[in-house]
């Protein structure tokens, strides 16, 4: 609903000025598909060949962006696959600056800030993009992950249900 709302607002306010004759285009949550694609170098993220690798990236500012993800990952390892690994790219500021130290675990790898141009290389080395952030407005990182060919694991909340088709199978 949020991305539909955002698109409606862009359409209403950006296109309502008919006084301009300058050709233009609005790109809704644009992703550079020359950079974010399935083709290109791959960062080796596995500690062993049978390991399932989850990945996420963001600028983490609030506990709801990271704490549920880490809790869900631990539950996945406990119930489904103990050999799984979670790779987290990005910086942690403000209320979550302590999270890399707080959530330190052998199966969780905090890589810190990674240049945007290198993120696709990491994405191609993972199996699944994970996002448990509640009510995301329209996260570009999800669109970037899809452009790299990753399946998305997240909550059907906010714009996620518009961006990602649900598949319970």
C-alpha atoms as a PDB file:
ATOM      1  CA  UNK A   1       0.000   0.000   0.000  1.00  0.00           C
ATOM      2  CA  UNK A   2       2.818   2.408   0.672  1.00  0.00           C
ATOM      3  CA  UNK A   3       4.458   2.126  -2.710  1.00  0.00           C
ATOM      4  CA  UNK A   4       1.064   2.488  -4.439  1.00  0.00           C
ATOM      5  CA  UNK A   5       0.501   5.588  -2.299  1.00  0.00           C
ATOM      6  CA  UNK A   6       3.953   6.919  -3.196  1.00  0.00           C
ATOM      7  CA  UNK A   7       3.311   6.322  -6.882  1.00  0.00           C
ATOM      8  CA  UNK A   8      -0.077   8.046  -6.684  1.00  0.00           C
ATOM      9  CA  UNK A   9       1.542  11.072  -5.030  1.00  0.00           C
ATOM     10  CA  UNK A  10       4.263  11.242  -7.684  1.00  0.00           C
ATOM     11  CA  UNK A  11       1.674  10.950 -10.425  1.00  0.00           C
ATOM     12  CA  UNK A  12      -0.503  13.624  -8.859  1.00  0.00           C
ATOM     13  CA  UNK A  13       2.126  16.199  -7.960  1.00  0.00           C
ATOM     14  CA  UNK A  14       4.936  15.614 -10.439  1.00  0.00           C
ATOM     15  CA  UNK A  15       2.723  15.255 -13.486  1.00  0.00           C
ATOM     16  CA  UNK A  16       0.118  17.862 -12.556  1.00  0.00           C
ATOM     17  CA  UNK A  17       2.210  20.756 -13.893  1.00  0.00           C
ATOM     18  CA  UNK A  18       1.302  20.832 -17.560  1.00  0.00           C
ATOM     19  CA  UNK A  19       3.115  24.158 -18.000  1.00  0.00           C
ATOM     20  CA  UNK A  20       6.387  22.375 -18.662  1.00  0.00           C
ATOM     21  CA  UNK A  21       6.991  20.767 -22.018  1.00  0.00           C
ATOM     22  CA  UNK A  22      10.262  19.151 -20.966  1.00  0.00           C
ATOM     23  CA  UNK A  23      10.111  15.412 -21.536  1.00  0.00           C
ATOM     24  CA  UNK A  24      10.722  13.572 -18.288  1.00  0.00           C
ATOM     25  CA  UNK A  25      10.269  10.236 -16.612  1.00  0.00           C
ATOM     26  CA  UNK A  26       9.692   9.242 -13.009  1.00  0.00           C
ATOM     27  CA  UNK A  27      11.544   6.126 -11.935  1.00  0.00           C
ATOM     28  CA  UNK A  28       9.801   4.544  -8.970  1.00  0.00           C
ATOM     29  CA  UNK A  29      12.453   2.998  -6.713  1.00  0.00           C
ATOM     30  CA  UNK A  30      14.961   2.752  -9.520  1.00  0.00           C
ATOM     31  CA  UNK A  31      17.747   0.203  -9.339  1.00  0.00           C
ATOM     32  CA  UNK A  32      20.784   0.234 -11.595  1.00  0.00           C
ATOM     33  CA  UNK A  33      20.293  -3.079 -13.407  1.00  0.00           C
ATOM     34  CA  UNK A  34      23.641  -2.663 -15.132  1.00  0.00           C
ATOM     35  CA  UNK A  35      25.186  -3.066 -11.663  1.00  0.00           C
ATOM     36  CA  UNK A  36      22.580  -5.202  -9.871  1.00  0.00           C
ATOM     37  CA  UNK A  37      22.218  -8.282 -12.079  1.00  0.00           C
ATOM     38  CA  UNK A  38      22.842 -12.007 -12.112  1.00  0.00           C
ATOM     39  CA  UNK A  39      25.999 -11.560 -14.206  1.00  0.00           C
ATOM     40  CA  UNK A  40      29.322 -10.622 -12.721  1.00  0.00           C
ATOM     41  CA  UNK A  41      31.846 -11.548 -10.065  1.00  0.00           C
ATOM     42  CA  UNK A  42      30.796 -13.544  -7.014  1.00  0.00           C
ATOM     43  CA  UNK A  43      32.072 -13.130  -3.457  1.00  0.00           C
ATOM     44  CA  UNK A  44      32.630 -16.509  -1.811  1.00  0.00           C
ATOM     45  CA  UNK A  45      30.657 -16.377   1.435  1.00  0.00           C
ATOM     46  CA  UNK A  46      30.414 -20.065   2.381  1.00  0.00           C
ATOM     47  CA  UNK A  47      32.526 -21.620   5.110  1.00  0.00           C
ATOM     48  CA  UNK A  48      31.720 -25.041   3.625  1.00  0.00           C
ATOM     49  CA  UNK A  49      30.109 -26.174   0.353  1.00  0.00           C
ATOM     50  CA  UNK A  50      26.813 -27.312   1.922  1.00  0.00           C
ATOM     51  CA  UNK A  51      26.135 -24.075   3.783  1.00  0.00           C
ATOM     52  CA  UNK A  52      22.971 -22.048   3.186  1.00  0.00           C
ATOM     53  CA  UNK A  53      23.850 -18.344   3.095  1.00  0.00           C
ATOM     54  CA  UNK A  54      21.352 -15.628   3.916  1.00  0.00           C
ATOM     55  CA  UNK A  55      22.301 -12.015   3.237  1.00  0.00           C
ATOM     56  CA  UNK A  56      20.954  -8.580   3.987  1.00  0.00           C
ATOM     57  CA  UNK A  57      22.211  -5.035   3.547  1.00  0.00           C
ATOM     58  CA  UNK A  58      21.079  -1.670   4.777  1.00  0.00           C
ATOM     59  CA  UNK A  59      21.924   1.358   6.838  1.00  0.00           C
ATOM     60  CA  UNK A  60      20.680   0.017  10.150  1.00  0.00           C
ATOM     61  CA  UNK A  61      19.207   2.729  12.362  1.00  0.00           C
ATOM     62  CA  UNK A  62      16.446   1.085  14.403  1.00  0.00           C
ATOM     63  CA  UNK A  63      16.157  -2.154  16.395  1.00  0.00           C
ATOM     64  CA  UNK A  64      13.219  -3.359  14.255  1.00  0.00           C
ATOM     65  CA  UNK A  65      15.545  -3.462  11.230  1.00  0.00           C
ATOM     66  CA  UNK A  66      17.960  -5.978  12.753  1.00  0.00           C
ATOM     67  CA  UNK A  67      16.777  -7.653  15.984  1.00  0.00           C
ATOM     68  CA  UNK A  68      13.894  -9.674  14.438  1.00  0.00           C
ATOM     69  CA  UNK A  69      16.188 -10.751  11.594  1.00  0.00           C
ATOM     70  CA  UNK A  70      18.801 -12.120  13.968  1.00  0.00           C
ATOM     71  CA  UNK A  71      16.137 -13.840  16.102  1.00  0.00           C
ATOM     72  CA  UNK A  72      14.543 -15.392  13.001  1.00  0.00           C
ATOM     73  CA  UNK A  73      17.914 -16.578  11.755  1.00  0.00           C
ATOM     74  CA  UNK A  74      18.700 -18.269  15.071  1.00  0.00           C
ATOM     75  CA  UNK A  75      15.284 -19.963  14.944  1.00  0.00           C
ATOM     76  CA  UNK A  76      15.947 -21.123  11.369  1.00  0.00           C
ATOM     77  CA  UNK A  77      19.254 -22.640  12.467  1.00  0.00           C
ATOM     78  CA  UNK A  78      17.630 -24.321  15.468  1.00  0.00           C
ATOM     79  CA  UNK A  79      14.662 -25.783  13.607  1.00  0.00           C
ATOM     80  CA  UNK A  80      15.752 -26.244   9.990  1.00  0.00           C
ATOM     81  CA  UNK A  81      19.432 -25.977   9.119  1.00  0.00           C
ATOM     82  CA  UNK A  82      22.174 -25.617  11.721  1.00  0.00           C
ATOM     83  CA  UNK A  83      24.753 -25.129   8.966  1.00  0.00           C
ATOM     84  CA  UNK A  84      23.245 -21.798   7.815  1.00  0.00           C
ATOM     85  CA  UNK A  85      25.097 -18.493   7.816  1.00  0.00           C
ATOM     86  CA  UNK A  86      23.870 -14.882   7.849  1.00  0.00           C
ATOM     87  CA  UNK A  87      25.972 -12.183   6.191  1.00  0.00           C
ATOM     88  CA  UNK A  88      25.093  -8.588   7.079  1.00  0.00           C
ATOM     89  CA  UNK A  89      26.417  -5.652   5.065  1.00  0.00           C
ATOM     90  CA  UNK A  90      26.058  -2.066   6.204  1.00  0.00           C
ATOM     91  CA  UNK A  91      26.629   0.301   9.042  1.00  0.00           C
ATOM     92  CA  UNK A  92      24.921   0.458  12.420  1.00  0.00           C
ATOM     93  CA  UNK A  93      24.188   3.879  13.853  1.00  0.00           C
ATOM     94  CA  UNK A  94      22.278   5.453  16.714  1.00  0.00           C
ATOM     95  CA  UNK A  95      20.086   3.066  18.688  1.00  0.00           C
ATOM     96  CA  UNK A  96      21.627  -0.005  17.027  1.00  0.00           C
ATOM     97  CA  UNK A  97      25.316   0.943  17.001  1.00  0.00           C
ATOM     98  CA  UNK A  98      25.970  -1.879  19.489  1.00  0.00           C
ATOM     99  CA  UNK A  99      24.233  -4.630  17.471  1.00  0.00           C
ATOM    100  CA  UNK A 100      27.274  -6.155  15.732  1.00  0.00           C
ATOM    101  CA  UNK A 101      28.844  -6.715  19.153  1.00  0.00           C
ATOM    102  CA  UNK A 102      25.546  -7.687  20.829  1.00  0.00           C
ATOM    103  CA  UNK A 103      24.655 -10.228  18.116  1.00  0.00           C
ATOM    104  CA  UNK A 104      28.153 -11.627  17.681  1.00  0.00           C
ATOM    105  CA  UNK A 105      27.902 -15.306  16.733  1.00  0.00           C
ATOM    106  CA  UNK A 106      29.948 -17.782  14.698  1.00  0.00           C
ATOM    107  CA  UNK A 107      27.142 -18.108  12.126  1.00  0.00           C
ATOM    108  CA  UNK A 108      26.604 -14.352  11.710  1.00  0.00           C
ATOM    109  CA  UNK A 109      29.138 -12.314   9.796  1.00  0.00           C
ATOM    110  CA  UNK A 110      29.032  -8.523  10.003  1.00  0.00           C
ATOM    111  CA  UNK A 111      30.992  -7.189   7.018  1.00  0.00           C
ATOM    112  CA  UNK A 112      30.419  -3.498   7.783  1.00  0.00           C
ATOM    113  CA  UNK A 113      30.039  -0.833   5.134  1.00  0.00           C
ATOM    114  CA  UNK A 114      30.481  -2.176   1.616  1.00  0.00           C
ATOM    115  CA  UNK A 115      30.595   0.158  -1.392  1.00  0.00           C
ATOM    116  CA  UNK A 116      27.351   0.025  -3.375  1.00  0.00           C
ATOM    117  CA  UNK A 117      29.300  -1.147  -6.423  1.00  0.00           C
ATOM    118  CA  UNK A 118      30.431  -4.269  -4.494  1.00  0.00           C
ATOM    119  CA  UNK A 119      27.035  -5.308  -3.086  1.00  0.00           C
ATOM    120  CA  UNK A 120      26.008  -7.310  -6.195  1.00  0.00           C
ATOM    121  CA  UNK A 121      29.151  -9.428  -5.850  1.00  0.00           C
ATOM    122  CA  UNK A 122      28.078 -10.358  -2.310  1.00  0.00           C
ATOM    123  CA  UNK A 123      24.452 -10.892  -3.354  1.00  0.00           C
ATOM    124  CA  UNK A 124      25.511 -13.352  -6.054  1.00  0.00           C
ATOM    125  CA  UNK A 125      27.416 -15.347  -3.415  1.00  0.00           C
ATOM    126  CA  UNK A 126      24.338 -15.827  -1.215  1.00  0.00           C
ATOM    127  CA  UNK A 127      21.295 -18.069  -1.492  1.00  0.00           C
ATOM    128  CA  UNK A 128      18.540 -15.858  -0.031  1.00  0.00           C
ATOM    129  CA  UNK A 129      18.002 -12.177   0.766  1.00  0.00           C
ATOM    130  CA  UNK A 130      16.381 -11.771   4.198  1.00  0.00           C
ATOM    131  CA  UNK A 131      14.451  -8.776   5.494  1.00  0.00           C
ATOM    132  CA  UNK A 132      12.311  -8.864   8.619  1.00  0.00           C
ATOM    133  CA  UNK A 133      11.826  -5.122   8.913  1.00  0.00           C
ATOM    134  CA  UNK A 134       8.174  -4.432   9.701  1.00  0.00           C
ATOM    135  CA  UNK A 135       6.217  -2.087   7.469  1.00  0.00           C
ATOM    136  CA  UNK A 136       8.967  -1.164   4.983  1.00  0.00           C
ATOM    137  CA  UNK A 137       7.807   1.656   2.682  1.00  0.00           C
ATOM    138  CA  UNK A 138       9.489   0.300  -0.465  1.00  0.00           C
ATOM    139  CA  UNK A 139      12.976  -0.987   0.233  1.00  0.00           C
ATOM    140  CA  UNK A 140      15.435  -0.632  -2.621  1.00  0.00           C
ATOM    141  CA  UNK A 141      17.596  -3.394  -1.150  1.00  0.00           C
ATOM    142  CA  UNK A 142      14.800  -5.883  -1.900  1.00  0.00           C
ATOM    143  CA  UNK A 143      14.597  -4.718  -5.520  1.00  0.00           C
ATOM    144  CA  UNK A 144      18.409  -4.856  -5.780  1.00  0.00           C
ATOM    145  CA  UNK A 145      18.419  -8.423  -4.421  1.00  0.00           C
ATOM    146  CA  UNK A 146      15.738  -9.478  -6.920  1.00  0.00           C
ATOM    147  CA  UNK A 147      17.773  -7.939  -9.749  1.00  0.00           C
ATOM    148  CA  UNK A 148      20.672 -10.162  -8.630  1.00  0.00           C
ATOM    149  CA  UNK A 149      18.408 -13.212  -8.837  1.00  0.00           C
ATOM    150  CA  UNK A 150      18.003 -13.834  -5.122  1.00  0.00           C
ATOM    151  CA  UNK A 151      14.817 -15.243  -3.636  1.00  0.00           C
ATOM    152  CA  UNK A 152      13.422 -12.955  -0.954  1.00  0.00           C
ATOM    153  CA  UNK A 153      12.511 -14.038   2.558  1.00  0.00           C
ATOM    154  CA  UNK A 154      10.569 -11.382   4.425  1.00  0.00           C
ATOM    155  CA  UNK A 155       7.354 -10.321   6.059  1.00  0.00           C
ATOM    156  CA  UNK A 156       4.268  -9.679   3.921  1.00  0.00           C
ATOM    157  CA  UNK A 157       4.009  -6.224   5.428  1.00  0.00           C
ATOM    158  CA  UNK A 158       4.257  -2.709   4.056  1.00  0.00           C
ATOM    159  CA  UNK A 159       5.336  -2.681   0.425  1.00  0.00           C
ATOM    160  CA  UNK A 160       6.743  -6.220   0.577  1.00  0.00           C
ATOM    161  CA  UNK A 161       3.461  -7.793  -0.521  1.00  0.00           C
ATOM    162  CA  UNK A 162       3.512  -5.529  -3.590  1.00  0.00           C
ATOM    163  CA  UNK A 163       7.154  -6.240  -4.422  1.00  0.00           C
ATOM    164  CA  UNK A 164       7.398  -9.952  -3.726  1.00  0.00           C
ATOM    165  CA  UNK A 165       4.952 -12.686  -4.665  1.00  0.00           C
ATOM    166  CA  UNK A 166       4.083 -14.852  -1.676  1.00  0.00           C
ATOM    167  CA  UNK A 167       4.924 -18.508  -2.004  1.00  0.00           C
ATOM    168  CA  UNK A 168       4.182 -20.734   0.957  1.00  0.00           C
ATOM    169  CA  UNK A 169       5.538 -23.769  -0.903  1.00  0.00           C
END
